Protein backbone atom coordinates (compact mmCIF):
# COMPACT_ATOMS: atom_id res chain seq x y z
CA UNK A 1 27.95 -7.14 -0.47
CA UNK A 2 26.58 -3.57 -0.11
CA UNK A 3 29.11 -2.41 -2.88
CA UNK A 4 28.03 -5.13 -5.50
CA UNK A 5 24.42 -4.58 -4.58
CA UNK A 6 25.12 -0.69 -5.75
CA UNK A 7 26.85 -2.03 -8.90
CA UNK A 8 24.20 -4.28 -9.59
CA UNK A 9 21.46 -1.75 -9.35
CA UNK A 10 23.34 1.06 -11.24
CA UNK A 11 22.67 -0.10 -14.85
CA UNK A 12 18.99 0.06 -14.19
CA UNK A 13 19.31 3.37 -12.36
CA UNK A 14 21.11 4.78 -15.27
CA UNK A 15 19.02 3.17 -17.90
CA UNK A 16 15.94 5.20 -16.04
CA UNK A 17 18.05 8.46 -16.11
CA UNK A 18 18.67 8.48 -19.85
CA UNK A 19 15.13 7.39 -20.32
CA UNK A 20 13.92 10.33 -18.15
CA UNK A 21 16.59 12.87 -19.91
CA UNK A 22 15.20 11.83 -23.46
CA UNK A 23 11.58 12.41 -22.37
CA UNK A 24 12.61 15.70 -20.96
CA UNK A 25 14.16 16.69 -23.76
CA UNK A 26 11.66 15.48 -25.94
CA UNK A 27 8.81 17.00 -23.89
CA UNK A 28 10.27 20.73 -23.72
CA UNK A 29 11.81 20.32 -27.33
CA UNK A 30 9.33 22.52 -29.00
CA UNK A 31 9.57 25.34 -26.11
CA UNK A 32 13.41 25.69 -26.71
CA UNK A 33 13.06 25.51 -30.67
CA UNK A 34 10.56 28.66 -30.51
CA UNK A 35 12.67 30.32 -27.82
CA UNK A 36 15.85 30.03 -30.25
CA UNK A 37 14.09 30.85 -33.57
CA UNK A 38 12.42 33.57 -31.98
CA UNK A 39 16.09 34.73 -30.60
CA UNK A 40 17.09 34.40 -34.43
CA UNK A 41 14.15 36.73 -35.48
CA UNK A 42 14.15 39.19 -32.55
CA UNK A 43 15.11 41.77 -35.36
CA UNK A 44 12.70 40.91 -37.82
CA UNK A 45 9.87 42.66 -36.45
CA UNK A 46 7.47 39.31 -37.82
CA UNK A 47 4.19 38.97 -36.36
CA UNK A 48 3.38 36.81 -33.56
CA UNK A 49 -0.02 34.86 -33.55
CA UNK A 50 -2.57 35.11 -30.49
CA UNK A 51 -1.90 31.64 -30.81
CA UNK A 52 1.13 31.46 -30.34
CA UNK A 53 1.66 33.94 -27.75
CA UNK A 54 -0.67 31.71 -25.20
CA UNK A 55 1.35 28.68 -26.00
CA UNK A 56 4.44 30.06 -25.26
CA UNK A 57 3.20 31.75 -22.15
CA UNK A 58 1.99 27.98 -20.88
CA UNK A 59 5.45 26.56 -21.92
CA UNK A 60 7.02 29.43 -19.62
CA UNK A 61 4.44 27.97 -16.93
CA UNK A 62 5.65 24.74 -17.17
CA UNK A 63 9.43 25.61 -17.32
CA UNK A 64 8.78 27.38 -14.40
CA UNK A 65 7.00 24.50 -12.32
CA UNK A 66 9.55 22.34 -13.34
CA UNK A 67 12.25 24.77 -11.95
CA UNK A 68 11.08 25.52 -8.89
CA UNK A 69 8.18 23.01 -7.92
CA UNK A 70 9.19 19.90 -9.60
CA UNK A 71 7.67 18.16 -13.06
CA UNK A 72 5.87 16.22 -10.95
CA UNK A 73 4.03 18.42 -9.15
CA UNK A 74 0.22 18.98 -10.08
CA UNK A 75 0.37 22.54 -10.87
CA UNK A 76 2.56 21.24 -13.90
CA UNK A 77 0.31 18.65 -14.79
CA UNK A 78 -2.23 21.76 -14.82
CA UNK A 79 -0.48 23.76 -17.18
CA UNK A 80 0.08 20.39 -19.56
CA UNK A 81 -3.52 19.82 -19.37
CA UNK A 82 -4.31 23.97 -20.28
CA UNK A 83 -1.89 23.17 -23.38
CA UNK A 84 -4.02 20.69 -24.38
CA UNK A 85 -7.27 22.83 -23.87
CA UNK A 86 -5.74 25.21 -26.17
CA UNK A 87 -4.51 22.76 -29.06
CA UNK A 88 -8.01 21.44 -28.85
CA UNK A 89 -9.66 24.68 -29.31
CA UNK A 90 -7.27 25.96 -31.98
CA UNK A 91 -7.05 22.81 -33.89
CA UNK A 92 -9.50 19.68 -33.25
CA UNK A 93 -10.65 17.69 -29.90
CA UNK A 94 -8.09 15.38 -30.07
CA UNK A 95 -5.04 17.70 -30.86
CA UNK A 96 -4.80 17.82 -26.95
CA UNK A 97 -4.26 14.01 -26.25
CA UNK A 98 -0.76 14.04 -25.66
CA UNK A 99 -0.93 17.08 -23.50
CA UNK A 100 -3.68 15.57 -21.35
CA UNK A 101 -2.11 12.29 -20.87
CA UNK A 102 0.94 13.75 -19.98
CA UNK A 103 -1.04 16.13 -17.38
CA UNK A 104 -3.01 13.11 -16.17
CA UNK A 105 0.27 10.87 -15.65
CA UNK A 106 1.51 14.10 -13.16
CA UNK A 107 -1.56 13.79 -11.64
CA UNK A 108 -1.82 10.33 -10.72
CA UNK A 109 1.65 10.89 -9.04
CA UNK A 110 0.28 12.45 -5.54
CA UNK A 111 -3.73 12.59 -6.53
CA UNK A 112 -6.00 10.08 -5.62
CA UNK A 113 -8.00 8.83 -8.51
CA UNK A 114 -11.44 10.19 -7.65
CA UNK A 115 -9.93 13.75 -7.09
CA UNK A 116 -11.62 16.23 -9.41
CA UNK A 117 -8.38 16.98 -11.46
CA UNK A 118 -8.04 13.25 -12.41
CA UNK A 119 -11.70 12.93 -13.22
CA UNK A 120 -11.96 16.11 -15.60
CA UNK A 121 -8.38 15.03 -17.32
CA UNK A 122 -9.77 11.53 -17.86
CA UNK A 123 -13.21 13.11 -19.54
CA UNK A 124 -11.16 15.28 -21.82
CA UNK A 125 -9.24 12.16 -23.02
CA UNK A 126 -12.37 10.32 -23.71
CA UNK A 127 -13.29 13.17 -25.66
CA UNK A 128 -10.47 13.23 -27.77
CA UNK A 129 -10.26 9.29 -28.09
CA UNK A 130 -14.19 9.83 -29.32
CA UNK A 131 -13.49 12.50 -31.77
CA UNK A 132 -10.53 10.11 -33.09
CA UNK A 133 -13.08 7.10 -33.52
CA UNK A 134 -11.48 4.87 -30.39
CA UNK A 135 -15.08 4.35 -28.95
CA UNK A 136 -14.10 1.28 -27.14
CA UNK A 137 -10.97 3.10 -25.37
CA UNK A 138 -13.40 6.18 -24.57
CA UNK A 139 -16.33 4.32 -23.33
CA UNK A 140 -13.96 2.21 -20.76
CA UNK A 141 -12.44 5.32 -19.67
CA UNK A 142 -15.69 7.21 -19.14
CA UNK A 143 -17.30 3.79 -17.29
CA UNK A 144 -14.45 4.92 -14.73
CA UNK A 145 -15.40 8.33 -14.33
CA UNK A 146 -18.86 7.50 -13.68
CA UNK A 147 -17.63 4.76 -11.29
CA UNK A 148 -15.25 6.94 -9.07
CA UNK A 149 -18.18 9.72 -9.34
CA UNK A 150 -20.23 7.13 -7.83
CA UNK A 151 -18.09 5.92 -5.50
CA UNK A 152 -17.35 9.40 -4.12
CA UNK A 153 -19.36 12.37 -2.39
CA UNK A 154 -20.44 14.44 -5.28
CA UNK A 155 -22.71 16.23 -5.77
CA UNK A 156 -26.10 14.31 -7.45
CA UNK A 157 -26.10 16.33 -10.82
CA UNK A 158 -22.64 15.64 -11.52
CA UNK A 159 -23.24 12.12 -10.85
CA UNK A 160 -26.19 11.73 -12.87
CA UNK A 161 -23.82 13.81 -15.79
CA UNK A 162 -21.01 11.35 -15.42
CA UNK A 163 -23.86 8.07 -15.89
CA UNK A 164 -25.59 9.68 -18.92
CA UNK A 165 -22.04 10.21 -20.77
CA UNK A 166 -21.82 6.86 -20.25
CA UNK A 167 -25.06 5.75 -21.32
CA UNK A 168 -24.67 7.65 -24.69
CA UNK A 169 -21.46 6.41 -25.78
CA UNK A 170 -23.12 2.76 -25.31
CA UNK A 171 -25.73 4.16 -27.10
CA UNK A 172 -23.88 5.27 -30.17
CA UNK A 173 -22.18 1.82 -30.08
CA UNK A 174 -25.95 -0.04 -30.09
CA UNK A 175 -24.87 -1.78 -26.84
CA UNK A 176 -28.91 -0.95 -25.56
CA UNK A 177 -28.55 -3.49 -23.28
CA UNK A 178 -25.66 -2.06 -21.46
CA UNK A 179 -27.19 1.50 -21.85
CA UNK A 180 -30.56 0.34 -20.25
CA UNK A 181 -28.65 -0.94 -17.54
CA UNK A 182 -26.79 2.43 -16.88
CA UNK A 183 -30.23 4.36 -17.28
CA UNK A 184 -31.53 2.04 -14.99
CA UNK A 185 -29.02 3.37 -12.40
CA UNK A 186 -29.69 6.98 -13.22
CA UNK A 187 -33.83 6.28 -12.39
CA UNK A 188 -32.74 4.56 -9.44
CA UNK A 189 -30.72 7.73 -7.89
CA UNK A 190 -33.84 10.01 -9.42
CA UNK A 191 -36.17 7.65 -7.33
CA UNK A 192 -34.61 7.56 -4.12
CA UNK A 193 -34.44 11.69 -4.52
CA UNK A 194 -37.84 12.41 -5.55
CA UNK A 195 -40.18 9.22 -4.64
CA UNK A 196 -39.99 9.99 -0.86
CA UNK A 197 -40.79 13.53 -1.11
CA UNK A 198 -43.18 13.09 -4.50
CA UNK A 199 -45.80 15.33 -2.51
CA UNK A 200 -43.46 18.28 -2.98
CA UNK A 201 -44.15 18.26 -6.70
CA UNK A 202 -40.83 16.58 -7.84
CA UNK A 203 -42.94 13.95 -9.81
CA UNK A 204 -42.02 15.48 -13.31
CA UNK A 205 -37.98 15.18 -12.85
CA UNK A 206 -38.87 11.26 -13.69
CA UNK A 207 -40.97 11.87 -16.88
CA UNK A 208 -37.83 12.24 -19.01
CA UNK A 209 -35.66 9.19 -17.31
CA UNK A 210 -38.60 7.09 -17.56
CA UNK A 211 -39.00 7.55 -21.01
CA UNK A 212 -35.87 7.28 -21.84
CA UNK A 213 -35.57 4.13 -20.65
CA UNK A 214 -38.42 2.66 -21.72
CA UNK A 215 -37.18 3.34 -25.02
CA UNK A 216 -33.41 1.82 -24.72
CA UNK A 217 -35.36 -1.18 -23.06
CA UNK A 218 -37.79 -1.56 -26.26
CA UNK A 219 -34.91 -1.29 -28.39
CA UNK A 220 -33.19 -4.43 -26.60
CA UNK A 221 -37.17 -6.53 -26.37
CA UNK A 222 -36.79 -6.02 -22.44
CA UNK A 223 -40.05 -6.96 -20.60
CA UNK A 224 -40.01 -3.61 -18.63
CA UNK A 225 -40.26 -1.60 -21.68
CA UNK A 226 -43.88 -0.57 -21.28
CA UNK A 227 -43.68 -0.40 -18.00
CA UNK A 228 -41.40 2.78 -17.68
CA UNK A 229 -43.27 3.91 -20.99
CA UNK A 230 -46.46 4.02 -19.08
CA UNK A 231 -44.83 5.25 -16.21
CA UNK A 232 -43.65 8.62 -18.50
CA UNK A 233 -46.84 8.94 -20.02
CA UNK A 234 -49.18 8.68 -17.09
CA UNK A 235 -47.08 11.01 -15.09
CA UNK A 236 -46.65 13.32 -17.46
CA UNK A 237 -50.68 13.45 -18.41
CA UNK A 238 -51.13 13.82 -14.49
CA UNK A 239 -49.02 16.70 -14.46
CA UNK A 240 -50.99 18.45 -16.96
CA UNK A 241 -54.53 17.53 -15.83
CA UNK A 242 -53.51 18.43 -12.31
CA UNK A 243 -52.58 22.10 -13.66
CA UNK A 244 -55.99 22.40 -15.87
CA UNK A 245 -58.53 20.74 -13.50
CA UNK A 246 -56.39 20.97 -9.91
CA UNK A 247 -55.55 18.35 -7.54
CA UNK A 248 -59.39 16.99 -6.43
CA UNK A 249 -60.77 16.44 -9.62
CA UNK A 250 -62.54 13.42 -10.37
CA UNK A 251 -60.51 13.69 -13.87
CA UNK A 252 -57.50 12.64 -12.17
CA UNK A 253 -58.68 9.06 -10.93
CA UNK A 254 -58.13 6.62 -14.14
CA UNK A 255 -54.49 8.59 -14.40
CA UNK A 256 -54.20 8.04 -10.90
CA UNK A 257 -55.48 4.59 -10.66
CA UNK A 258 -53.08 3.23 -13.62
CA UNK A 259 -49.87 4.96 -12.11
CA UNK A 260 -50.66 3.10 -8.65
CA UNK A 261 -51.06 -0.08 -10.46
CA UNK A 262 -47.40 0.44 -12.18
CA UNK A 263 -45.65 1.17 -8.84
CA UNK A 264 -47.46 -1.53 -7.44
CA UNK A 265 -46.04 -3.80 -10.57
CA UNK A 266 -42.63 -2.74 -9.79
CA UNK A 267 -42.86 -3.37 -6.02
CA UNK A 268 -42.93 0.28 -5.36
CA UNK A 269 -45.32 0.07 -2.01
CA UNK A 270 -44.91 3.63 -1.00
CA UNK A 271 -45.55 5.23 -4.21
CA UNK A 272 -48.40 3.16 -4.76
CA UNK A 273 -49.75 4.10 -1.35
CA UNK A 274 -49.17 7.95 -2.43
CA UNK A 275 -51.49 7.69 -5.13
CA UNK A 276 -53.92 5.36 -3.52
CA UNK A 277 -53.82 8.20 -0.54
CA UNK A 278 -54.53 10.74 -3.23
CA UNK A 279 -57.51 9.07 -4.46
CA UNK A 280 -59.09 8.95 -0.86
CA UNK A 281 -58.37 12.65 -0.99
CA UNK A 282 -60.30 13.02 -4.22
CA UNK A 283 -63.20 10.74 -2.81
CA UNK A 284 -63.25 12.83 0.80
CA UNK A 285 -63.45 16.00 -1.45
CA UNK A 286 -66.15 15.03 -3.38
CA UNK A 287 -68.21 13.62 0.20
CA UNK A 288 -67.67 16.47 1.68
CA UNK A 289 -68.90 18.66 -0.77
CA UNK A 290 -72.27 17.01 -0.64
CA UNK A 291 -75.10 17.01 2.02
CA UNK A 292 -73.92 17.18 5.38
CA UNK A 293 -73.79 13.64 7.11
CA UNK A 294 -73.05 12.07 10.70
CA UNK A 295 -68.68 12.43 11.17
CA UNK A 296 -68.14 14.90 8.85
CA UNK A 297 -66.46 16.82 11.20
CA UNK A 298 -63.60 13.90 11.13
CA UNK A 299 -63.41 14.17 7.40
CA UNK A 300 -62.90 17.66 7.52
CA UNK A 301 -60.06 17.38 9.87
CA UNK A 302 -58.75 14.49 7.52
CA UNK A 303 -58.44 16.92 4.62
CA UNK A 304 -57.30 19.64 6.57
CA UNK A 305 -53.94 17.69 7.93
CA UNK A 306 -53.62 16.25 4.43
CA UNK A 307 -53.51 19.81 2.87
CA UNK A 308 -51.11 21.06 5.57
CA UNK A 309 -48.82 18.09 5.24
CA UNK A 310 -48.88 18.32 1.07
CA UNK A 311 -48.04 22.10 1.33
CA UNK A 312 -48.48 23.04 -1.84
CA UNK A 313 -49.25 27.08 -2.58
CA UNK A 314 -52.46 28.21 -1.13
CA UNK A 315 -52.45 24.64 0.55
CA UNK A 316 -52.87 26.30 4.12
CA UNK A 317 -55.32 28.49 3.18
CA UNK A 318 -57.77 25.47 1.96
CA UNK A 319 -56.43 23.46 5.18
CA UNK A 320 -57.38 26.32 7.57
CA UNK A 321 -61.23 26.61 5.85
CA UNK A 322 -61.84 22.64 6.07
CA UNK A 323 -60.96 22.88 9.67
CA UNK A 324 -62.86 25.99 10.38
CA UNK A 325 -65.42 24.17 9.17
CA UNK A 326 -65.39 21.59 11.16
CA UNK A 327 -65.33 23.75 14.12
CA UNK A 328 -68.44 25.10 13.00
CA UNK A 329 -70.28 21.84 12.67
CA UNK A 330 -68.64 20.53 16.28
CA UNK A 331 -70.00 24.02 17.90
CA UNK A 332 -73.77 23.78 16.41
CA UNK A 333 -73.93 19.93 17.34
CA UNK A 334 -72.91 21.02 20.75
CA UNK A 335 -75.35 23.37 20.94
CA UNK A 336 -78.36 21.44 19.71
CA UNK A 337 -76.78 18.20 22.44
CA UNK A 338 -80.03 17.58 24.63
């Protein structure tokens, strides 16, 4: 029975061997042909181009990889990708696609889909597809790359860049609603990084993402378009006024009120509370700057704590002055107490 099974599987193994032999011959044919032609013309003294030298060097690396590491080793895949880069840079982006696909096929035999090498070569293939006008295929690949980066522990900038590439190709195909949803994911990631630390002067990082989302939503008539456009405008205006007038200027009040209202509309209560606290500080600064009143020490201490928590440049000095003033008033009251 074992011999029967062996003979039954032999045609399949033979077919696979023939297919693999033909594939190997096809893949390495350019290398062997150029070696042969160089041998024939070795005495001709012809000039070899820089491109040809680089091409032959990479093919030699591939031949060595196949001989010593095996043709399915990731190092062999890396050299096929290098050959693709050479063709893409010398001719046009799509010229490297065949070699990129070979490299990806080898990588997938031993590396997980979220491995950096796999995702990078996928990105090169997607660029080749875009250059060839195959936008639907490129979009699918770019979406895979973005999802893989999101599902793995990649740095924030790489996750955002992958999502931006996905958004851009959707926008190029006028798929504005889908592009808006991808941009919404970018905004959500940034908000999770920025909003908890809004006191640390990071809100400007949200201006352009909000503006982009507002524009994409407007193109697909989403009711949320105005919210994000107004958030972008409000944060940008606030940054300018803050630099020109200072944190505690009464000039900031209308913009702070507007931003608080917009974040309330989105249900982000912590962010809305941040702007409410800012408004309270402005009112306290105005209050303690006037005539001295009963309980002013408490308000001065509250302001000092606010400045220490915010910790902008110079805030600790200001906090010290408020706290020192509160102590002086308290001492004076103790001396005059009956």
